[in-house]
Structure formats: C-alpha cells, structure tokens
Amino acid sequence: MYIQFVLPHGGSGIPAQHKLSLIKKEIQDWCTKYEVVGWSQKTIKYTHRLGFNDEKYFSLFSMTWNADFPFQIVNVANERY
C-alpha cells in the first residue's frame, strides 16, 4: 500500500519539480507533527509515492492530511503488473 500524488506534466500551472518539492516539504512537516517513524518516498515519472512501515499511518494520513495536494491511497495487491 502507498499514497500517490500525481505531478503535473505539460500545460500551464506549477512545474512538476516545484510541486514535488512542495509536496515533500508538506510530507516532512506532517510526519514531524504526528511523530511518524518508518516512512519512505520515491518519484516515478509523474507520480510521487509515500509509504509507511506501519499500516496505521495510512488511516491517520487520510484523516489528517490538510495540504492542498490531492492524493490517492493505492493498494498494491489490487494492481496488475
């Protein structure tokens, strides 16, 4: 399971690299505020993924994330490769 943020590609608006840095800052602030330990991030093409070592943080994240960056929780078991 991971949390996915979609970055802009093409068109107008905030460039992907700038939006990515803003998202990373918000994630860092959120993790500090809620004392989250055991998390990782990676960016693949135009998506940024956030994962936690403990599944309880996914619920906490979905209830408390108030930054202006929409996200989606992705269950890896439901994806096809």
Protein backbone atom coordinates (compact mmCIF):
# COMPACT_ATOMS: atom_id res chain seq x y z
CA MET A 1 0.00 0.00 0.00
CA TYR A 2 1.20 3.52 -0.71
CA ILE A 3 -0.06 7.07 -1.07
CA GLN A 4 0.22 8.55 -4.53
CA PHE A 5 0.45 12.18 -5.59
CA VAL A 6 0.14 12.97 -9.30
CA LEU A 7 2.54 15.61 -10.57
CA PRO A 8 1.69 17.96 -13.45
CA HIS A 9 3.06 17.20 -16.89
CA GLY A 10 2.54 19.57 -19.77
CA GLY A 11 0.28 22.57 -19.88
CA SER A 12 0.31 25.50 -17.52
CA GLY A 13 0.45 25.69 -13.76
CA ILE A 14 3.10 24.72 -11.22
CA PRO A 15 6.02 22.83 -12.83
CA ALA A 16 6.41 19.23 -11.67
CA GLN A 17 9.75 19.76 -9.90
CA HIS A 18 8.43 22.71 -7.91
CA LYS A 19 5.24 20.90 -6.94
CA LEU A 20 7.29 17.85 -5.93
CA SER A 21 9.43 19.94 -3.59
CA LEU A 22 6.29 21.45 -2.03
CA ILE A 23 4.73 18.00 -1.54
CA LYS A 24 7.94 16.67 0.06
CA LYS A 25 8.02 19.62 2.46
CA GLU A 26 4.39 19.07 3.45
CA ILE A 27 5.03 15.34 3.98
CA GLN A 28 8.07 16.11 6.17
CA ASP A 29 6.03 18.58 8.22
CA TRP A 30 3.16 16.10 8.57
CA CYS A 31 5.47 13.28 9.67
CA THR A 32 7.11 15.54 12.23
CA LYS A 33 3.77 16.77 13.57
CA TYR A 34 2.36 13.25 14.03
CA GLU A 35 5.68 11.71 15.08
CA VAL A 36 5.64 9.17 12.25
CA VAL A 37 8.61 6.81 12.11
CA GLY A 38 9.39 4.44 9.27
CA TRP A 39 8.34 6.10 6.05
CA SER A 40 9.82 6.36 2.57
CA GLN A 41 9.25 8.30 -0.64
CA LYS A 42 10.06 7.83 -4.29
CA THR A 43 9.13 9.52 -7.53
CA ILE A 44 8.42 7.53 -10.67
CA LYS A 45 7.73 9.56 -13.81
CA TYR A 46 4.96 11.96 -12.83
CA THR A 47 3.84 10.28 -9.62
CA HIS A 48 5.26 10.64 -6.13
CA ARG A 49 4.77 7.73 -3.75
CA LEU A 50 4.75 7.77 0.03
CA GLY A 51 4.89 4.54 2.02
CA PHE A 52 4.77 3.75 5.72
CA ASN A 53 6.24 0.80 7.61
CA ASP A 54 3.11 0.62 9.79
CA GLU A 55 -0.34 0.48 8.17
CA LYS A 56 -1.93 2.55 10.97
CA TYR A 57 -0.35 5.64 9.44
CA PHE A 58 -2.40 5.30 6.25
CA SER A 59 -5.61 5.90 8.22
CA LEU A 60 -4.04 8.73 10.16
CA PHE A 61 -2.81 10.32 6.93
CA SER A 62 -6.19 10.13 5.23
CA MET A 63 -7.92 11.72 8.23
CA THR A 64 -5.41 14.49 8.92
CA TRP A 65 -3.79 15.49 5.61
CA ASN A 66 -4.91 19.07 5.03
CA ALA A 67 -2.37 20.30 2.47
CA ASP A 68 -3.75 21.42 -0.87
CA PHE A 69 -2.32 18.41 -2.71
CA PRO A 70 -4.81 15.68 -3.60
CA PHE A 71 -3.71 12.10 -3.02
CA GLN A 72 -4.88 8.56 -3.60
CA ILE A 73 -4.23 5.51 -1.45
CA VAL A 74 -3.18 2.63 -3.70
CA ASN A 75 -3.41 -0.98 -2.58
CA VAL A 76 -0.59 -2.84 -4.35
CA ALA A 77 -2.47 -6.15 -4.09
CA ASN A 78 -5.10 -4.75 -6.48
CA GLU A 79 -2.62 -3.62 -9.14
CA ARG A 80 -1.67 -5.65 -12.19
CA TYR A 81 1.90 -6.00 -13.38
